[in-house]
C-alpha atoms as a PDB file:
ATOM      1  CA  UNK A   1      -8.631  -2.616  15.359  1.00  0.00           C
ATOM      2  CA  UNK A   2     -12.003  -1.689  13.866  1.00  0.00           C
ATOM      3  CA  UNK A   3     -13.724  -4.172  11.572  1.00  0.00           C
ATOM      4  CA  UNK A   4     -16.358  -3.108   9.046  1.00  0.00           C
ATOM      5  CA  UNK A   5     -19.341  -4.543   7.230  1.00  0.00           C
ATOM      6  CA  UNK A   6     -18.438  -5.554   3.695  1.00  0.00           C
ATOM      7  CA  UNK A   7     -20.183  -3.271   1.155  1.00  0.00           C
ATOM      8  CA  UNK A   8     -22.764  -5.032  -1.052  1.00  0.00           C
ATOM      9  CA  UNK A   9     -20.826  -4.477  -4.307  1.00  0.00           C
ATOM     10  CA  UNK A  10     -17.761  -6.108  -2.728  1.00  0.00           C
ATOM     11  CA  UNK A  11     -19.892  -8.988  -1.423  1.00  0.00           C
ATOM     12  CA  UNK A  12     -21.041  -9.680  -4.975  1.00  0.00           C
ATOM     13  CA  UNK A  13     -17.465 -10.109  -6.154  1.00  0.00           C
ATOM     14  CA  UNK A  14     -16.565 -12.246  -3.120  1.00  0.00           C
ATOM     15  CA  UNK A  15     -19.576 -14.499  -3.691  1.00  0.00           C
ATOM     16  CA  UNK A  16     -18.892 -15.068  -7.392  1.00  0.00           C
ATOM     17  CA  UNK A  17     -16.398 -17.631  -8.737  1.00  0.00           C
ATOM     18  CA  UNK A  18     -13.725 -14.939  -8.936  1.00  0.00           C
ATOM     19  CA  UNK A  19     -10.145 -15.747  -8.039  1.00  0.00           C
ATOM     20  CA  UNK A  20      -8.585 -13.587  -5.377  1.00  0.00           C
ATOM     21  CA  UNK A  21      -5.016 -12.445  -4.962  1.00  0.00           C
ATOM     22  CA  UNK A  22      -3.834 -12.141  -1.390  1.00  0.00           C
ATOM     23  CA  UNK A  23      -0.727 -10.450  -0.123  1.00  0.00           C
ATOM     24  CA  UNK A  24       0.968 -11.664   3.019  1.00  0.00           C
ATOM     25  CA  UNK A  25       4.144 -10.426   4.650  1.00  0.00           C
ATOM     26  CA  UNK A  26       7.343 -12.461   4.671  1.00  0.00           C
ATOM     27  CA  UNK A  27       9.739 -12.553   7.623  1.00  0.00           C
ATOM     28  CA  UNK A  28      11.721  -9.630   6.199  1.00  0.00           C
ATOM     29  CA  UNK A  29       8.526  -7.550   5.810  1.00  0.00           C
ATOM     30  CA  UNK A  30       8.398  -7.798   2.033  1.00  0.00           C
ATOM     31  CA  UNK A  31       5.072  -8.773   0.432  1.00  0.00           C
ATOM     32  CA  UNK A  32       4.292 -12.174  -1.040  1.00  0.00           C
ATOM     33  CA  UNK A  33       1.312 -12.695  -3.377  1.00  0.00           C
ATOM     34  CA  UNK A  34      -0.845 -15.788  -3.809  1.00  0.00           C
ATOM     35  CA  UNK A  35      -3.839 -16.651  -6.005  1.00  0.00           C
ATOM     36  CA  UNK A  36      -6.541 -18.287  -3.888  1.00  0.00           C
ATOM     37  CA  UNK A  37     -10.106 -19.474  -3.700  1.00  0.00           C
ATOM     38  CA  UNK A  38     -12.169 -17.556  -1.146  1.00  0.00           C
ATOM     39  CA  UNK A  39     -15.453 -17.842   0.727  1.00  0.00           C
ATOM     40  CA  UNK A  40     -17.528 -15.211   2.482  1.00  0.00           C
ATOM     41  CA  UNK A  41     -19.167 -15.795   5.856  1.00  0.00           C
ATOM     42  CA  UNK A  42     -21.155 -12.698   6.701  1.00  0.00           C
ATOM     43  CA  UNK A  43     -18.600  -9.899   7.022  1.00  0.00           C
ATOM     44  CA  UNK A  44     -15.603 -12.240   7.109  1.00  0.00           C
ATOM     45  CA  UNK A  45     -13.520 -13.652   4.266  1.00  0.00           C
ATOM     46  CA  UNK A  46     -12.346 -17.256   4.549  1.00  0.00           C
ATOM     47  CA  UNK A  47      -9.122 -18.384   2.868  1.00  0.00           C
ATOM     48  CA  UNK A  48      -8.478 -22.145   2.742  1.00  0.00           C
ATOM     49  CA  UNK A  49      -4.950 -23.529   2.542  1.00  0.00           C
ATOM     50  CA  UNK A  50      -2.681 -26.247   3.912  1.00  0.00           C
ATOM     51  CA  UNK A  51      -0.731 -25.667   7.124  1.00  0.00           C
ATOM     52  CA  UNK A  52       2.650 -25.995   5.390  1.00  0.00           C
ATOM     53  CA  UNK A  53       2.008 -23.461   2.633  1.00  0.00           C
ATOM     54  CA  UNK A  54       3.954 -20.195   2.633  1.00  0.00           C
ATOM     55  CA  UNK A  55       0.801 -18.127   2.989  1.00  0.00           C
ATOM     56  CA  UNK A  56      -0.093 -20.103   6.135  1.00  0.00           C
ATOM     57  CA  UNK A  57       3.361 -19.592   7.623  1.00  0.00           C
ATOM     58  CA  UNK A  58       3.198 -15.873   6.775  1.00  0.00           C
ATOM     59  CA  UNK A  59      -0.281 -15.457   8.309  1.00  0.00           C
ATOM     60  CA  UNK A  60       0.672 -17.347  11.453  1.00  0.00           C
ATOM     61  CA  UNK A  61       3.551 -14.915  11.967  1.00  0.00           C
ATOM     62  CA  UNK A  62       1.793 -11.700  10.844  1.00  0.00           C
ATOM     63  CA  UNK A  63      -2.020 -11.749  10.607  1.00  0.00           C
ATOM     64  CA  UNK A  64      -2.339  -8.728   8.300  1.00  0.00           C
ATOM     65  CA  UNK A  65      -3.575  -9.390   4.788  1.00  0.00           C
ATOM     66  CA  UNK A  66      -4.392  -7.561   1.580  1.00  0.00           C
ATOM     67  CA  UNK A  67      -6.753  -9.073  -0.967  1.00  0.00           C
ATOM     68  CA  UNK A  68      -7.881  -8.111  -4.456  1.00  0.00           C
ATOM     69  CA  UNK A  69     -10.552  -9.685  -6.628  1.00  0.00           C
ATOM     70  CA  UNK A  70     -11.232  -9.270 -10.341  1.00  0.00           C
ATOM     71  CA  UNK A  71     -14.615 -10.038 -11.843  1.00  0.00           C
ATOM     72  CA  UNK A  72     -13.931 -13.007 -14.132  1.00  0.00           C
ATOM     73  CA  UNK A  73     -16.445 -11.685 -16.672  1.00  0.00           C
ATOM     74  CA  UNK A  74     -15.350  -8.052 -16.505  1.00  0.00           C
ATOM     75  CA  UNK A  75     -11.756  -7.596 -15.293  1.00  0.00           C
ATOM     76  CA  UNK A  76     -12.325  -3.828 -15.238  1.00  0.00           C
ATOM     77  CA  UNK A  77     -14.457  -4.411 -12.144  1.00  0.00           C
ATOM     78  CA  UNK A  78     -12.443  -5.135  -9.017  1.00  0.00           C
ATOM     79  CA  UNK A  79     -12.470  -4.980  -5.266  1.00  0.00           C
ATOM     80  CA  UNK A  80      -9.718  -4.461  -2.716  1.00  0.00           C
ATOM     81  CA  UNK A  81      -9.821  -5.557   0.912  1.00  0.00           C
ATOM     82  CA  UNK A  82      -7.519  -5.137   3.875  1.00  0.00           C
ATOM     83  CA  UNK A  83      -7.933  -7.142   7.012  1.00  0.00           C
ATOM     84  CA  UNK A  84      -6.524  -9.335   9.712  1.00  0.00           C
ATOM     85  CA  UNK A  85      -6.783 -12.996  10.655  1.00  0.00           C
ATOM     86  CA  UNK A  86      -9.344 -13.470  13.436  1.00  0.00           C
ATOM     87  CA  UNK A  87      -9.322 -17.246  13.611  1.00  0.00           C
ATOM     88  CA  UNK A  88      -7.628 -20.318  12.185  1.00  0.00           C
ATOM     89  CA  UNK A  89     -10.016 -23.252  11.853  1.00  0.00           C
ATOM     90  CA  UNK A  90      -9.261 -26.904  11.308  1.00  0.00           C
ATOM     91  CA  UNK A  91     -10.387 -28.379   7.984  1.00  0.00           C
ATOM     92  CA  UNK A  92     -12.318 -31.131   9.802  1.00  0.00           C
ATOM     93  CA  UNK A  93     -14.519 -33.100   7.401  1.00  0.00           C
ATOM     94  CA  UNK A  94     -13.961 -30.846   4.325  1.00  0.00           C
ATOM     95  CA  UNK A  95     -17.637 -29.780   4.210  1.00  0.00           C
ATOM     96  CA  UNK A  96     -16.706 -26.125   3.711  1.00  0.00           C
ATOM     97  CA  UNK A  97     -13.918 -27.010   1.269  1.00  0.00           C
ATOM     98  CA  UNK A  98     -16.456 -28.951  -0.807  1.00  0.00           C
ATOM     99  CA  UNK A  99     -18.703 -25.847  -0.937  1.00  0.00           C
ATOM    100  CA  UNK A 100     -15.761 -23.656  -1.939  1.00  0.00           C
ATOM    101  CA  UNK A 101     -14.690 -26.140  -4.638  1.00  0.00           C
ATOM    102  CA  UNK A 102     -18.257 -26.267  -6.001  1.00  0.00           C
ATOM    103  CA  UNK A 103     -18.259 -22.478  -6.226  1.00  0.00           C
ATOM    104  CA  UNK A 104     -15.213 -22.568  -8.515  1.00  0.00           C
ATOM    105  CA  UNK A 105     -15.464 -25.938 -10.280  1.00  0.00           C
ATOM    106  CA  UNK A 106     -19.025 -27.198  -9.896  1.00  0.00           C
ATOM    107  CA  UNK A 107     -17.720 -30.336  -8.138  1.00  0.00           C
ATOM    108  CA  UNK A 108     -16.697 -31.273  -4.581  1.00  0.00           C
ATOM    109  CA  UNK A 109     -13.082 -30.970  -3.512  1.00  0.00           C
ATOM    110  CA  UNK A 110     -11.259 -33.923  -5.098  1.00  0.00           C
ATOM    111  CA  UNK A 111      -9.170 -34.956  -2.133  1.00  0.00           C
ATOM    112  CA  UNK A 112      -8.747 -35.117   1.576  1.00  0.00           C
ATOM    113  CA  UNK A 113      -6.024 -32.776   2.783  1.00  0.00           C
ATOM    114  CA  UNK A 114      -5.319 -33.636   6.433  1.00  0.00           C
ATOM    115  CA  UNK A 115      -3.468 -30.306   6.808  1.00  0.00           C
ATOM    116  CA  UNK A 116      -6.374 -28.162   5.543  1.00  0.00           C
ATOM    117  CA  UNK A 117      -7.041 -24.999   7.559  1.00  0.00           C
ATOM    118  CA  UNK A 118      -9.248 -21.962   7.046  1.00  0.00           C
ATOM    119  CA  UNK A 119      -8.052 -18.451   7.825  1.00  0.00           C
ATOM    120  CA  UNK A 120     -11.010 -16.294   8.830  1.00  0.00           C
ATOM    121  CA  UNK A 121     -10.298 -12.668   7.985  1.00  0.00           C
ATOM    122  CA  UNK A 122     -11.903  -9.650   9.644  1.00  0.00           C
ATOM    123  CA  UNK A 123     -12.200  -6.774   7.175  1.00  0.00           C
ATOM    124  CA  UNK A 124     -10.830  -3.332   8.064  1.00  0.00           C
ATOM    125  CA  UNK A 125     -11.211  -1.722   4.625  1.00  0.00           C
ATOM    126  CA  UNK A 126     -13.118  -2.722   1.476  1.00  0.00           C
ATOM    127  CA  UNK A 127     -14.054  -0.966  -1.728  1.00  0.00           C
ATOM    128  CA  UNK A 128     -15.108  -1.777  -5.267  1.00  0.00           C
ATOM    129  CA  UNK A 129     -14.078   0.025  -8.447  1.00  0.00           C
ATOM    130  CA  UNK A 130     -15.167  -0.274 -12.053  1.00  0.00           C
ATOM    131  CA  UNK A 131     -13.162   1.314 -14.835  1.00  0.00           C
ATOM    132  CA  UNK A 132     -15.652   2.389 -17.475  1.00  0.00           C
ATOM    133  CA  UNK A 133     -15.192   2.756 -21.189  1.00  0.00           C
ATOM    134  CA  UNK A 134     -13.283  -0.504 -21.698  1.00  0.00           C
ATOM    135  CA  UNK A 135     -14.286  -3.927 -22.921  1.00  0.00           C
ATOM    136  CA  UNK A 136     -12.099  -6.958 -22.281  1.00  0.00           C
ATOM    137  CA  UNK A 137     -11.268  -8.030 -25.821  1.00  0.00           C
ATOM    138  CA  UNK A 138      -7.488  -8.670 -25.939  1.00  0.00           C
ATOM    139  CA  UNK A 139      -7.429 -10.274 -29.394  1.00  0.00           C
ATOM    140  CA  UNK A 140      -9.235  -7.304 -30.933  1.00  0.00           C
ATOM    141  CA  UNK A 141     -11.959  -9.440 -32.488  1.00  0.00           C
ATOM    142  CA  UNK A 142     -15.584  -8.471 -32.283  1.00  0.00           C
ATOM    143  CA  UNK A 143     -17.146 -10.559 -29.531  1.00  0.00           C
ATOM    144  CA  UNK A 144     -20.058 -12.822 -30.491  1.00  0.00           C
ATOM    145  CA  UNK A 145     -23.420 -11.866 -28.995  1.00  0.00           C
ATOM    146  CA  UNK A 146     -24.402 -13.958 -25.990  1.00  0.00           C
ATOM    147  CA  UNK A 147     -26.412 -17.040 -26.927  1.00  0.00           C
ATOM    148  CA  UNK A 148     -25.715 -16.786 -30.642  1.00  0.00           C
ATOM    149  CA  UNK A 149     -24.125 -19.824 -32.164  1.00  0.00           C
ATOM    150  CA  UNK A 150     -25.307 -22.920 -30.399  1.00  0.00           C
END
């Protein structure tokens, strides 16, 4: 298996507070999707979870993973990643989980999950796409200019 360096435009989406959707494979080979927080360590993606979660059971059985990320500010910008679990780390003292929680919430992780583990993913394919010509405005109202109104 050949692992790649994550392209810069994909790194930007991984590093932002953007939720990711991962696909794992169930016992029968069918896909299962999960919304997750993620962290990037160099050219690896880290997915935290508890040992008993379905995604953990799936990844322990079959280490292949698909992941997509939408830019929370511009959902017409996305990235897709394929990869494989390289390592499963213990949650230890939750230091990394606190950093991940701060990325998404601005606060440390509000608990102590004794079953916390981190799946470290090696990336085999990664790309970023932006669909141009669209603005995310589902209610059809004219968006207010940034910084206008208090």
